[in-house]
Structure formats: C-alpha cells, structure tokens
Amino acid sequence: MRLITDISEGLTASLPASVATIGFFDGVHRGHHFLISQVCRAAGERSLASMLITFPVHPRMVMQADYQPRLLSTFDEKCALLAKAGADACVALPFTAELAALSAREFMQQVLHDRLKVRTLVIGYDHRFGRDRSEGFDDYVRYGADLGIEVLRAEAFQLGDIHVSSSVVRAFLEAGEVDVAARCLGYDYFLCGSVTSGQQIGRTLGFPTANLQVDDSLKLVPADGVYAVRVHVGAHVYKGMLNIGCRPTIDDDSRRTIEVHLFHFAGDLYGQSLRVEFLRRIRGEQKFHSREALARQLQQDARACEEM
C-alpha cells in the first residue's frame, strides 16, 4: 500500500483515478475491513485504483483544543494495520481549520475530485462530512452527479448482535472485556511502551514486574484488573500476567500503573520496548487485608493466566 502524506498539487498529479472511502479508521476493526473490501471490489469492477482517505490527527482535536480522544491505535499503528487491508493507497489528509471550513460539495470538488482524482466514493449512509455536517447521503449523491463522482452506499457490518464500531470497541475495553473487543477488532488489542523503574514491590511477592510507560498518552488503557497477556520483547514472545490499577493493597493512592510479569523470563527489562497483547481479564482490581493474602491470590492468577 502506498502511503501519501503530502497532497500538494504537484505530488498528486500522477495519482490514478480511484474508488475511495473516508474515515478516521481508529483501530482498523472488522467493520473497517468490511468497508475496505467493498472499496477494493468496486475498484476491481471499474478498473480503478482503490484509495483510503484518513487523518493523522483526530478532527475533533483541531476543532476543540481541549479534546482528548481515547485512541485504539496511534497513527503509525493505524497505517500498519491499514497496509494489511488490501487497498492500493492511503492518503493521510491533514485536517486543518481551512479543510473544516469547506462545505460538503466544496470538499468533494476541491479535495476528492480535483486533487485526489476520486471517481467513485463508497460511504456509509449515516456518514457526515463538510462544514456543518447537516448534509447526508442523498446530498452527496446529488453533488457527485454534478461533479462526476459516483457515490455508493456501503453495506454495514454486523458481528452477531454487535454493530461493530470504534466506540463499541472502546466500551468493551473500558469494561475489561478484551476478548470481546478482540472479536470486533480481528486481533488482540495491544499497548506499546517502554519499561521504566518502579518500586520493585512485585519481587517481594514472588512476581517481579516491569512498569510499562505507554508510548502515546492518548492510547486507551483497558479497565483496571488482572489480565492474561502475550508480551513481545524484541523477537521473543512470552506469556505474561498484567495488572492495571492503583495497587490498593500496597499504597492505595490515585496513581494508575501498568505492571507486567513475564512467565519463565530471566533478565533485565529496564529501558526495553514491549508490545503487550491482551487475551482476557482474570479479575477486577481488589484490596486484600495483607500482602500475604495478595501473594496467594497472585499465585492463583498466575495459574489461571498460564492455563490460557
């Protein structure tokens, strides 16, 4: 997949005519893949290229300076996931105040038709774009007829009784249901970060842990609790147990930490980069009456994690 980050006139002059869709594609879940497959199929039927149009930064962050999204994927992660989806090209369109000021028709003409050479647009019926977002699918069809852009309605994706969307995936993760989120995503949700120094309390309980500092502060961290995880350290993969929370038995303060224990690992992780994939939540965060009771529970948690 070709990634296009500069849409200045000279650099887009060589773009082929395409079938495209627009979206933020946070998490690149199974619903996104279903949409992209429709784009690729329509492109093949019309002998055109397939194109995805997305944004490096969430549009609401441009319009609302204090908006802090809870991202399922960073921009680099999103690009890597989109690269596996089968489209020919992905345009990372900078979302600016000037772009936000365009009406839907102006956006279709100036950006889609003139600059990006979109000839067919595949879009969900309830998708909205343009300055006031008051126009809808029927308006886009009408504008497209004037501009020479065919507008197709995308089919929706349903997973059983779940209407898969990025907001639905976030809700599952915030409830600790990482296994259900994985079904919607099509992969295990993950966090990437580096190991920082901690209080090394886990060693005294028989479970030395690495404190994970997530690379992007906007990346959503699942609900507090204990999880079975898979941990990538360089080229090696380990089974692990991870705790998210405020450690109420130890110090009971408001600082939320992410601590991971790797089974059958010997070595120093300090300063290393980890990718942690969530498999299932074993239990929620609890406060125990003593460190000994916590240690006994950790033994049970470890057995449950390893059995998975």
C-alpha atoms as a PDB file:
ATOM      1  CA  MET A   1       0.000   0.000   0.000  1.00  0.00           C
ATOM      2  CA  ARG A   2       1.282   3.440  -0.919  1.00  0.00           C
ATOM      3  CA  LEU A   3       1.068   5.966   1.933  1.00  0.00           C
ATOM      4  CA  ILE A   4       0.563   9.551   0.750  1.00  0.00           C
ATOM      5  CA  THR A   5       1.193  12.258   3.349  1.00  0.00           C
ATOM      6  CA  ASP A   6       1.623  15.243   1.011  1.00  0.00           C
ATOM      7  CA  ILE A   7      -1.315  16.195  -1.211  1.00  0.00           C
ATOM      8  CA  SER A   8       0.216  19.297  -2.756  1.00  0.00           C
ATOM      9  CA  GLU A   9      -0.824  19.707  -6.374  1.00  0.00           C
ATOM     10  CA  GLY A  10       2.454  18.658  -7.949  1.00  0.00           C
ATOM     11  CA  LEU A  11       2.685  15.441  -5.937  1.00  0.00           C
ATOM     12  CA  THR A  12      -0.888  14.298  -6.636  1.00  0.00           C
ATOM     13  CA  ALA A  13      -0.796  14.983 -10.378  1.00  0.00           C
ATOM     14  CA  SER A  14       0.310  11.420 -11.058  1.00  0.00           C
ATOM     15  CA  LEU A  15      -2.398   9.776  -8.944  1.00  0.00           C
ATOM     16  CA  PRO A  16      -4.631   7.349 -10.869  1.00  0.00           C
ATOM     17  CA  ALA A  17      -8.402   7.703 -10.857  1.00  0.00           C
ATOM     18  CA  SER A  18      -9.751   5.771  -7.889  1.00  0.00           C
ATOM     19  CA  VAL A  19     -12.568   4.363  -5.822  1.00  0.00           C
ATOM     20  CA  ALA A  20     -12.214   5.777  -2.308  1.00  0.00           C
ATOM     21  CA  THR A  21     -13.707   5.902   1.136  1.00  0.00           C
ATOM     22  CA  ILE A  22     -13.148   8.324   4.022  1.00  0.00           C
ATOM     23  CA  GLY A  23     -12.740   7.582   7.716  1.00  0.00           C
ATOM     24  CA  PHE A  24     -10.598   8.023  10.795  1.00  0.00           C
ATOM     25  CA  PHE A  25     -10.275   4.208  10.941  1.00  0.00           C
ATOM     26  CA  ASP A  26      -9.394   4.134  14.637  1.00  0.00           C
ATOM     27  CA  GLY A  27      -8.344   0.597  15.500  1.00  0.00           C
ATOM     28  CA  VAL A  28      -8.921  -0.654  11.921  1.00  0.00           C
ATOM     29  CA  HIS A  29     -11.524  -3.141  13.162  1.00  0.00           C
ATOM     30  CA  ARG A  30     -13.502  -5.756  11.270  1.00  0.00           C
ATOM     31  CA  GLY A  31     -16.125  -3.199  10.261  1.00  0.00           C
ATOM     32  CA  HIS A  32     -13.391  -1.132   8.619  1.00  0.00           C
ATOM     33  CA  HIS A  33     -12.075  -4.217   6.822  1.00  0.00           C
ATOM     34  CA  PHE A  34     -15.580  -4.958   5.534  1.00  0.00           C
ATOM     35  CA  LEU A  35     -15.841  -1.398   4.185  1.00  0.00           C
ATOM     36  CA  ILE A  36     -12.384  -1.555   2.597  1.00  0.00           C
ATOM     37  CA  SER A  37     -13.254  -4.860   0.919  1.00  0.00           C
ATOM     38  CA  GLN A  38     -16.225  -3.118  -0.714  1.00  0.00           C
ATOM     39  CA  VAL A  39     -13.919  -0.348  -1.953  1.00  0.00           C
ATOM     40  CA  CYS A  40     -11.475  -2.863  -3.420  1.00  0.00           C
ATOM     41  CA  ARG A  41     -14.273  -4.844  -5.062  1.00  0.00           C
ATOM     42  CA  ALA A  42     -15.788  -1.707  -6.627  1.00  0.00           C
ATOM     43  CA  ALA A  43     -12.335  -0.639  -7.837  1.00  0.00           C
ATOM     44  CA  GLY A  44     -11.766  -4.002  -9.500  1.00  0.00           C
ATOM     45  CA  GLU A  45     -15.155  -3.867 -11.216  1.00  0.00           C
ATOM     46  CA  ARG A  46     -14.363  -0.390 -12.604  1.00  0.00           C
ATOM     47  CA  SER A  47     -10.676  -0.969 -13.394  1.00  0.00           C
ATOM     48  CA  LEU A  48      -9.743   1.850 -10.995  1.00  0.00           C
ATOM     49  CA  ALA A  49      -7.285   2.092  -8.100  1.00  0.00           C
ATOM     50  CA  SER A  50      -8.518   1.711  -4.504  1.00  0.00           C
ATOM     51  CA  MET A  51      -7.847   4.523  -2.016  1.00  0.00           C
ATOM     52  CA  LEU A  52      -8.406   5.106   1.685  1.00  0.00           C
ATOM     53  CA  ILE A  53      -8.584   8.682   2.973  1.00  0.00           C
ATOM     54  CA  THR A  54      -7.860   9.183   6.665  1.00  0.00           C
ATOM     55  CA  PHE A  55      -6.464  11.792   9.063  1.00  0.00           C
ATOM     56  CA  PRO A  56      -3.222  11.759  11.100  1.00  0.00           C
ATOM     57  CA  VAL A  57      -4.909  13.612  13.976  1.00  0.00           C
ATOM     58  CA  HIS A  58      -8.478  13.213  15.172  1.00  0.00           C
ATOM     59  CA  PRO A  59     -10.531  16.032  13.531  1.00  0.00           C
ATOM     60  CA  ARG A  60     -12.126  16.996  16.850  1.00  0.00           C
ATOM     61  CA  MET A  61      -8.674  17.838  18.239  1.00  0.00           C
ATOM     62  CA  VAL A  62      -8.417  20.560  15.592  1.00  0.00           C
ATOM     63  CA  MET A  63     -11.881  21.933  16.322  1.00  0.00           C
ATOM     64  CA  GLN A  64     -11.690  21.570  20.131  1.00  0.00           C
ATOM     65  CA  ALA A  65      -8.286  22.363  21.637  1.00  0.00           C
ATOM     66  CA  ASP A  66      -9.087  20.540  24.901  1.00  0.00           C
ATOM     67  CA  TYR A  67     -10.426  17.358  23.286  1.00  0.00           C
ATOM     68  CA  GLN A  68      -8.518  14.235  24.315  1.00  0.00           C
ATOM     69  CA  PRO A  69      -9.567  11.174  22.303  1.00  0.00           C
ATOM     70  CA  ARG A  70      -9.155   7.648  23.675  1.00  0.00           C
ATOM     71  CA  LEU A  71      -7.412   6.076  20.717  1.00  0.00           C
ATOM     72  CA  LEU A  72      -7.465   2.415  19.779  1.00  0.00           C
ATOM     73  CA  SER A  73      -4.424   2.929  17.554  1.00  0.00           C
ATOM     74  CA  THR A  74      -1.731   5.539  17.092  1.00  0.00           C
ATOM     75  CA  PHE A  75      -1.235   6.957  13.604  1.00  0.00           C
ATOM     76  CA  ASP A  76       1.722   4.651  12.899  1.00  0.00           C
ATOM     77  CA  GLU A  77      -0.188   1.632  14.219  1.00  0.00           C
ATOM     78  CA  LYS A  78      -3.203   2.580  12.109  1.00  0.00           C
ATOM     79  CA  CYS A  79      -1.074   2.842   8.961  1.00  0.00           C
ATOM     80  CA  ALA A  80       0.485  -0.563   9.641  1.00  0.00           C
ATOM     81  CA  LEU A  81      -2.973  -2.112  10.117  1.00  0.00           C
ATOM     82  CA  LEU A  82      -4.376  -0.413   7.000  1.00  0.00           C
ATOM     83  CA  ALA A  83      -1.426  -1.670   4.959  1.00  0.00           C
ATOM     84  CA  LYS A  84      -2.753  -5.212   5.500  1.00  0.00           C
ATOM     85  CA  ALA A  85      -6.279  -4.342   4.313  1.00  0.00           C
ATOM     86  CA  GLY A  86      -5.598  -4.642   0.583  1.00  0.00           C
ATOM     87  CA  ALA A  87      -6.095  -1.098  -0.745  1.00  0.00           C
ATOM     88  CA  ASP A  88      -3.664   0.392  -3.263  1.00  0.00           C
ATOM     89  CA  ALA A  89      -3.128   3.694  -1.464  1.00  0.00           C
ATOM     90  CA  CYS A  90      -3.865   5.544   1.751  1.00  0.00           C
ATOM     91  CA  VAL A  91      -3.961   9.339   1.902  1.00  0.00           C
ATOM     92  CA  ALA A  92      -3.189  10.885   5.292  1.00  0.00           C
ATOM     93  CA  LEU A  93      -5.114  14.116   4.863  1.00  0.00           C
ATOM     94  CA  PRO A  94      -4.067  16.870   7.290  1.00  0.00           C
ATOM     95  CA  PHE A  95      -7.235  18.089   8.983  1.00  0.00           C
ATOM     96  CA  THR A  96      -6.936  21.873   9.205  1.00  0.00           C
ATOM     97  CA  ALA A  97      -9.295  24.720  10.029  1.00  0.00           C
ATOM     98  CA  GLU A  98      -9.329  25.541   6.309  1.00  0.00           C
ATOM     99  CA  LEU A  99     -10.380  21.999   5.440  1.00  0.00           C
ATOM    100  CA  ALA A 100     -13.054  22.056   8.148  1.00  0.00           C
ATOM    101  CA  ALA A 101     -14.473  25.263   6.653  1.00  0.00           C
ATOM    102  CA  LEU A 102     -15.260  23.581   3.319  1.00  0.00           C
ATOM    103  CA  SER A 103     -18.843  22.612   2.610  1.00  0.00           C
ATOM    104  CA  ALA A 104     -19.515  19.021   1.618  1.00  0.00           C
ATOM    105  CA  ARG A 105     -19.781  19.993  -2.036  1.00  0.00           C
ATOM    106  CA  GLU A 106     -16.580  22.038  -1.906  1.00  0.00           C
ATOM    107  CA  PHE A 107     -14.757  19.150  -0.255  1.00  0.00           C
ATOM    108  CA  MET A 108     -15.988  16.727  -2.885  1.00  0.00           C
ATOM    109  CA  GLN A 109     -14.904  19.009  -5.713  1.00  0.00           C
ATOM    110  CA  GLN A 110     -11.670  20.558  -4.445  1.00  0.00           C
ATOM    111  CA  VAL A 111     -10.219  17.641  -2.492  1.00  0.00           C
ATOM    112  CA  LEU A 112     -11.822  14.424  -3.738  1.00  0.00           C
ATOM    113  CA  HIS A 113     -12.341  15.187  -7.432  1.00  0.00           C
ATOM    114  CA  ASP A 114      -9.698  17.757  -8.352  1.00  0.00           C
ATOM    115  CA  ARG A 115      -6.823  16.855  -6.032  1.00  0.00           C
ATOM    116  CA  LEU A 116      -7.205  13.136  -5.297  1.00  0.00           C
ATOM    117  CA  LYS A 117      -8.968  12.079  -8.541  1.00  0.00           C
ATOM    118  CA  VAL A 118     -11.712  10.166  -6.767  1.00  0.00           C
ATOM    119  CA  ARG A 119     -14.265   8.957  -9.303  1.00  0.00           C
ATOM    120  CA  THR A 120     -16.297   6.668  -7.035  1.00  0.00           C
ATOM    121  CA  LEU A 121     -16.941   7.308  -3.338  1.00  0.00           C
ATOM    122  CA  VAL A 122     -18.077   4.450  -1.069  1.00  0.00           C
ATOM    123  CA  ILE A 123     -19.616   5.775   2.115  1.00  0.00           C
ATOM    124  CA  GLY A 124     -21.923   4.689   4.910  1.00  0.00           C
ATOM    125  CA  TYR A 125     -25.471   6.003   4.831  1.00  0.00           C
ATOM    126  CA  ASP A 126     -25.066   7.819   8.166  1.00  0.00           C
ATOM    127  CA  HIS A 127     -21.579   9.227   7.446  1.00  0.00           C
ATOM    128  CA  ARG A 128     -21.325  13.024   7.586  1.00  0.00           C
ATOM    129  CA  PHE A 129     -18.658  15.391   6.329  1.00  0.00           C
ATOM    130  CA  GLY A 130     -18.460  19.052   5.385  1.00  0.00           C
ATOM    131  CA  ARG A 131     -18.614  22.326   7.274  1.00  0.00           C
ATOM    132  CA  ASP A 132     -21.887  21.928   9.161  1.00  0.00           C
ATOM    133  CA  ARG A 133     -22.339  18.152   8.760  1.00  0.00           C
ATOM    134  CA  SER A 134     -26.041  18.747   8.087  1.00  0.00           C
ATOM    135  CA  GLU A 135     -25.992  17.123   4.654  1.00  0.00           C
ATOM    136  CA  GLY A 136     -26.310  13.393   4.162  1.00  0.00           C
ATOM    137  CA  PHE A 137     -26.021  10.539   1.706  1.00  0.00           C
ATOM    138  CA  ASP A 138     -28.691  11.795  -0.727  1.00  0.00           C
ATOM    139  CA  ASP A 139     -26.957  15.189  -0.902  1.00  0.00           C
ATOM    140  CA  TYR A 140     -23.610  13.532  -1.665  1.00  0.00           C
ATOM    141  CA  VAL A 141     -25.228  11.523  -4.450  1.00  0.00           C
ATOM    142  CA  ARG A 142     -26.628  14.731  -5.956  1.00  0.00           C
ATOM    143  CA  TYR A 143     -23.318  16.610  -5.695  1.00  0.00           C
ATOM    144  CA  GLY A 144     -21.492  13.632  -7.129  1.00  0.00           C
ATOM    145  CA  ALA A 145     -23.762  13.547 -10.170  1.00  0.00           C
ATOM    146  CA  ASP A 146     -22.789  17.158 -10.912  1.00  0.00           C
ATOM    147  CA  LEU A 147     -19.066  16.593 -10.322  1.00  0.00           C
ATOM    148  CA  GLY A 148     -18.598  13.229 -11.998  1.00  0.00           C
ATOM    149  CA  ILE A 149     -18.249  11.246  -8.746  1.00  0.00           C
ATOM    150  CA  GLU A 150     -20.326   8.107  -8.386  1.00  0.00           C
ATOM    151  CA  VAL A 151     -21.471   7.742  -4.762  1.00  0.00           C
ATOM    152  CA  LEU A 152     -22.172   4.245  -3.452  1.00  0.00           C
ATOM    153  CA  ARG A 153     -23.771   3.307  -0.168  1.00  0.00           C
ATOM    154  CA  ALA A 154     -21.614   0.931   1.875  1.00  0.00           C
ATOM    155  CA  GLU A 155     -23.127  -2.133   3.491  1.00  0.00           C
ATOM    156  CA  ALA A 156     -22.967  -2.209   7.291  1.00  0.00           C
ATOM    157  CA  PHE A 157     -21.027  -4.893   9.179  1.00  0.00           C
ATOM    158  CA  GLN A 158     -22.690  -6.885  11.936  1.00  0.00           C
ATOM    159  CA  LEU A 159     -20.984  -9.417  14.232  1.00  0.00           C
ATOM    160  CA  GLY A 160     -23.838 -11.437  15.653  1.00  0.00           C
ATOM    161  CA  ASP A 161     -25.855  -8.890  17.599  1.00  0.00           C
ATOM    162  CA  ILE A 162     -22.933  -6.416  17.766  1.00  0.00           C
ATOM    163  CA  HIS A 163     -22.856  -3.452  15.401  1.00  0.00           C
ATOM    164  CA  VAL A 164     -19.083  -3.108  15.269  1.00  0.00           C
ATOM    165  CA  SER A 165     -17.690   0.413  15.575  1.00  0.00           C
ATOM    166  CA  SER A 166     -14.700   2.074  17.223  1.00  0.00           C
ATOM    167  CA  SER A 167     -16.906   3.414  20.024  1.00  0.00           C
ATOM    168  CA  VAL A 168     -18.282  -0.083  20.692  1.00  0.00           C
ATOM    169  CA  VAL A 169     -14.740  -1.488  20.882  1.00  0.00           C
ATOM    170  CA  ARG A 170     -13.785   1.263  23.337  1.00  0.00           C
ATOM    171  CA  ALA A 171     -16.775   0.400  25.510  1.00  0.00           C
ATOM    172  CA  PHE A 172     -15.722  -3.270  25.667  1.00  0.00           C
ATOM    173  CA  LEU A 173     -12.142  -2.339  26.584  1.00  0.00           C
ATOM    174  CA  GLU A 174     -13.296   0.088  29.268  1.00  0.00           C
ATOM    175  CA  ALA A 175     -15.394  -2.734  30.743  1.00  0.00           C
ATOM    176  CA  GLY A 176     -12.379  -5.074  30.702  1.00  0.00           C
ATOM    177  CA  GLU A 177     -13.941  -7.313  28.036  1.00  0.00           C
ATOM    178  CA  VAL A 178     -10.755  -7.524  25.993  1.00  0.00           C
ATOM    179  CA  ASP A 179     -11.705 -10.900  24.500  1.00  0.00           C
ATOM    180  CA  VAL A 180     -14.942  -9.482  23.045  1.00  0.00           C
ATOM    181  CA  ALA A 181     -13.037  -6.412  21.817  1.00  0.00           C
ATOM    182  CA  ALA A 182     -10.629  -8.772  20.034  1.00  0.00           C
ATOM    183  CA  ARG A 183     -13.524 -10.420  18.208  1.00  0.00           C
ATOM    184  CA  CYS A 184     -14.594  -6.992  16.952  1.00  0.00           C
ATOM    185  CA  LEU A 185     -11.070  -5.892  16.073  1.00  0.00           C
ATOM    186  CA  GLY A 186      -9.968  -9.100  14.416  1.00  0.00           C
ATOM    187  CA  TYR A 187      -6.797  -9.102  16.537  1.00  0.00           C
ATOM    188  CA  ASP A 188      -5.825  -8.863  20.204  1.00  0.00           C
ATOM    189  CA  TYR A 189      -5.817  -5.302  21.498  1.00  0.00           C
ATOM    190  CA  PHE A 190      -2.311  -4.133  22.363  1.00  0.00           C
ATOM    191  CA  LEU A 191      -0.300  -1.444  24.087  1.00  0.00           C
ATOM    192  CA  CYS A 192       3.255  -0.484  23.176  1.00  0.00           C
ATOM    193  CA  GLY A 193       5.593   1.181  25.630  1.00  0.00           C
ATOM    194  CA  SER A 194       8.895   1.178  27.421  1.00  0.00           C
ATOM    195  CA  VAL A 195       9.854  -0.271  30.795  1.00  0.00           C
ATOM    196  CA  THR A 196      10.515   2.332  33.482  1.00  0.00           C
ATOM    197  CA  SER A 197      11.829   1.998  37.011  1.00  0.00           C
ATOM    198  CA  GLY A 198       9.331   1.103  39.730  1.00  0.00           C
ATOM    199  CA  GLN A 199       9.247   0.309  43.446  1.00  0.00           C
ATOM    200  CA  GLN A 200      10.115  -3.376  42.812  1.00  0.00           C
ATOM    201  CA  ILE A 201       7.395  -4.483  45.225  1.00  0.00           C
ATOM    202  CA  GLY A 202       6.458  -7.377  42.967  1.00  0.00           C
ATOM    203  CA  ARG A 203       9.758  -9.080  43.742  1.00  0.00           C
ATOM    204  CA  THR A 204       8.826  -9.308  47.410  1.00  0.00           C
ATOM    205  CA  LEU A 205       5.576 -11.064  46.433  1.00  0.00           C
ATOM    206  CA  GLY A 206       7.259 -13.604  44.170  1.00  0.00           C
ATOM    207  CA  PHE A 207       6.259 -11.874  40.938  1.00  0.00           C
ATOM    208  CA  PRO A 208       8.806  -9.338  39.667  1.00  0.00           C
ATOM    209  CA  THR A 209       7.057  -6.895  37.362  1.00  0.00           C
ATOM    210  CA  ALA A 210       8.036  -4.376  34.725  1.00  0.00           C
ATOM    211  CA  ASN A 211       6.394  -0.956  34.855  1.00  0.00           C
ATOM    212  CA  LEU A 212       5.071  -0.107  31.393  1.00  0.00           C
ATOM    213  CA  GLN A 213       5.013   3.507  30.252  1.00  0.00           C
ATOM    214  CA  VAL A 214       2.684   3.615  27.221  1.00  0.00           C
ATOM    215  CA  ASP A 215       4.261   5.382  24.239  1.00  0.00           C
ATOM    216  CA  ASP A 216       1.196   7.512  23.434  1.00  0.00           C
ATOM    217  CA  SER A 217      -0.760   9.059  26.300  1.00  0.00           C
ATOM    218  CA  LEU A 218      -3.908   9.135  24.127  1.00  0.00           C
ATOM    219  CA  LYS A 219      -3.951   5.349  23.672  1.00  0.00           C
ATOM    220  CA  LEU A 220      -6.836   3.773  25.562  1.00  0.00           C
ATOM    221  CA  VAL A 221      -5.811   1.650  28.562  1.00  0.00           C
ATOM    222  CA  PRO A 222      -8.343  -1.097  29.409  1.00  0.00           C
ATOM    223  CA  ALA A 223     -10.220  -1.291  32.718  1.00  0.00           C
ATOM    224  CA  ASP A 224      -8.365  -1.893  35.970  1.00  0.00           C
ATOM    225  CA  GLY A 225      -7.725  -5.513  36.803  1.00  0.00           C
ATOM    226  CA  VAL A 226      -5.529  -8.537  36.163  1.00  0.00           C
ATOM    227  CA  TYR A 227      -5.107  -9.808  32.603  1.00  0.00           C
ATOM    228  CA  ALA A 228      -3.573 -12.750  30.808  1.00  0.00           C
ATOM    229  CA  VAL A 229      -1.317 -11.217  28.153  1.00  0.00           C
ATOM    230  CA  ARG A 230       1.155 -12.029  25.430  1.00  0.00           C
ATOM    231  CA  VAL A 231       4.342  -9.921  25.561  1.00  0.00           C
ATOM    232  CA  HIS A 232       6.687  -9.224  22.662  1.00  0.00           C
ATOM    233  CA  VAL A 233      10.262  -8.338  23.662  1.00  0.00           C
ATOM    234  CA  GLY A 234      12.273  -7.839  20.504  1.00  0.00           C
ATOM    235  CA  ALA A 235      11.974 -11.075  18.520  1.00  0.00           C
ATOM    236  CA  HIS A 236      10.825 -13.090  21.566  1.00  0.00           C
ATOM    237  CA  VAL A 237       7.275 -13.700  22.774  1.00  0.00           C
ATOM    238  CA  TYR A 238       6.356 -14.559  26.374  1.00  0.00           C
ATOM    239  CA  LYS A 239       3.211 -15.460  28.257  1.00  0.00           C
ATOM    240  CA  GLY A 240       2.502 -12.944  30.967  1.00  0.00           C
ATOM    241  CA  MET A 241       0.235 -11.556  33.666  1.00  0.00           C
ATOM    242  CA  LEU A 242      -0.522  -7.847  33.781  1.00  0.00           C
ATOM    243  CA  ASN A 243      -2.103  -5.608  36.389  1.00  0.00           C
ATOM    244  CA  ILE A 244      -3.694  -2.229  35.734  1.00  0.00           C
ATOM    245  CA  GLY A 245      -4.719  -0.117  38.695  1.00  0.00           C
ATOM    246  CA  CYS A 246      -3.733   1.824  41.783  1.00  0.00           C
ATOM    247  CA  ARG A 247      -2.358  -1.114  43.874  1.00  0.00           C
ATOM    248  CA  PRO A 248      -4.792  -0.621  46.789  1.00  0.00           C
ATOM    249  CA  THR A 249      -3.163  -3.308  48.967  1.00  0.00           C
ATOM    250  CA  ILE A 250       0.296  -1.734  48.631  1.00  0.00           C
ATOM    251  CA  ASP A 251      -0.113   2.024  48.761  1.00  0.00           C
ATOM    252  CA  ASP A 252      -3.750   2.806  47.795  1.00  0.00           C
ATOM    253  CA  ASP A 253      -3.047   6.095  46.045  1.00  0.00           C
ATOM    254  CA  SER A 254      -4.572   7.517  42.869  1.00  0.00           C
ATOM    255  CA  ARG A 255      -1.613   6.788  40.566  1.00  0.00           C
ATOM    256  CA  ARG A 256      -2.649   4.283  37.936  1.00  0.00           C
ATOM    257  CA  THR A 257       0.120   1.903  36.936  1.00  0.00           C
ATOM    258  CA  ILE A 258       0.551  -0.846  34.349  1.00  0.00           C
ATOM    259  CA  GLU A 259       2.747  -3.687  35.622  1.00  0.00           C
ATOM    260  CA  VAL A 260       3.515  -6.857  33.708  1.00  0.00           C
ATOM    261  CA  HIS A 261       5.111 -10.119  34.848  1.00  0.00           C
ATOM    262  CA  LEU A 262       6.644 -12.394  32.209  1.00  0.00           C
ATOM    263  CA  PHE A 263       6.458 -16.115  32.951  1.00  0.00           C
ATOM    264  CA  HIS A 264       9.744 -18.036  32.698  1.00  0.00           C
ATOM    265  CA  PHE A 265      11.751 -14.911  31.907  1.00  0.00           C
ATOM    266  CA  ALA A 266      15.164 -14.186  33.360  1.00  0.00           C
ATOM    267  CA  GLY A 267      16.813 -10.885  32.594  1.00  0.00           C
ATOM    268  CA  ASP A 268      16.577  -7.136  32.880  1.00  0.00           C
ATOM    269  CA  LEU A 269      13.748  -5.392  31.021  1.00  0.00           C
ATOM    270  CA  TYR A 270      14.540  -1.857  32.160  1.00  0.00           C
ATOM    271  CA  GLY A 271      14.576   0.540  29.198  1.00  0.00           C
ATOM    272  CA  GLN A 272      13.308  -2.051  26.726  1.00  0.00           C
ATOM    273  CA  SER A 273      10.291  -1.619  24.446  1.00  0.00           C
ATOM    274  CA  LEU A 274       7.382  -4.028  24.884  1.00  0.00           C
ATOM    275  CA  ARG A 275       4.249  -4.824  22.937  1.00  0.00           C
ATOM    276  CA  VAL A 276       1.597  -6.255  25.254  1.00  0.00           C
ATOM    277  CA  GLU A 277      -1.410  -8.057  23.743  1.00  0.00           C
ATOM    278  CA  PHE A 278      -4.477  -8.538  25.941  1.00  0.00           C
ATOM    279  CA  LEU A 279      -6.082 -12.000  25.936  1.00  0.00           C
ATOM    280  CA  ARG A 280      -8.577 -11.995  28.810  1.00  0.00           C
ATOM    281  CA  ARG A 281      -9.268 -10.275  32.127  1.00  0.00           C
ATOM    282  CA  ILE A 282      -8.882 -12.707  35.026  1.00  0.00           C
ATOM    283  CA  ARG A 283     -10.424 -10.472  37.688  1.00  0.00           C
ATOM    284  CA  GLY A 284     -11.016  -6.874  38.642  1.00  0.00           C
ATOM    285  CA  GLU A 285      -8.745  -4.929  40.983  1.00  0.00           C
ATOM    286  CA  GLN A 286      -9.156  -5.898  44.647  1.00  0.00           C
ATOM    287  CA  LYS A 287      -7.850  -4.702  48.004  1.00  0.00           C
ATOM    288  CA  PHE A 288      -6.553  -7.514  50.231  1.00  0.00           C
ATOM    289  CA  HIS A 289      -6.196  -7.390  54.020  1.00  0.00           C
ATOM    290  CA  SER A 290      -2.486  -8.258  53.843  1.00  0.00           C
ATOM    291  CA  ARG A 291       0.405  -8.686  51.444  1.00  0.00           C
ATOM    292  CA  GLU A 292       0.352 -12.406  52.195  1.00  0.00           C
ATOM    293  CA  ALA A 293      -3.255 -12.635  51.005  1.00  0.00           C
ATOM    294  CA  LEU A 294      -2.296 -10.695  47.866  1.00  0.00           C
ATOM    295  CA  ALA A 295       0.619 -13.072  47.221  1.00  0.00           C
ATOM    296  CA  ARG A 296      -1.708 -16.091  47.495  1.00  0.00           C
ATOM    297  CA  GLN A 297      -4.132 -14.502  45.043  1.00  0.00           C
ATOM    298  CA  LEU A 298      -1.310 -13.755  42.622  1.00  0.00           C
ATOM    299  CA  GLN A 299      -0.385 -17.437  42.663  1.00  0.00           C
ATOM    300  CA  GLN A 300      -3.955 -18.284  41.653  1.00  0.00           C
ATOM    301  CA  ASP A 301      -3.965 -15.561  38.997  1.00  0.00           C
ATOM    302  CA  ALA A 302      -0.691 -16.866  37.555  1.00  0.00           C
ATOM    303  CA  ARG A 303      -2.097 -20.402  37.256  1.00  0.00           C
ATOM    304  CA  ALA A 304      -5.204 -19.071  35.520  1.00  0.00           C
ATOM    305  CA  CYS A 305      -3.121 -16.997  33.098  1.00  0.00           C
ATOM    306  CA  GLU A 306      -0.748 -19.833  32.229  1.00  0.00           C
ATOM    307  CA  GLU A 307      -3.659 -22.215  31.630  1.00  0.00           C
ATOM    308  CA  MET A 308      -4.933 -19.854  28.952  1.00  0.00           C
END
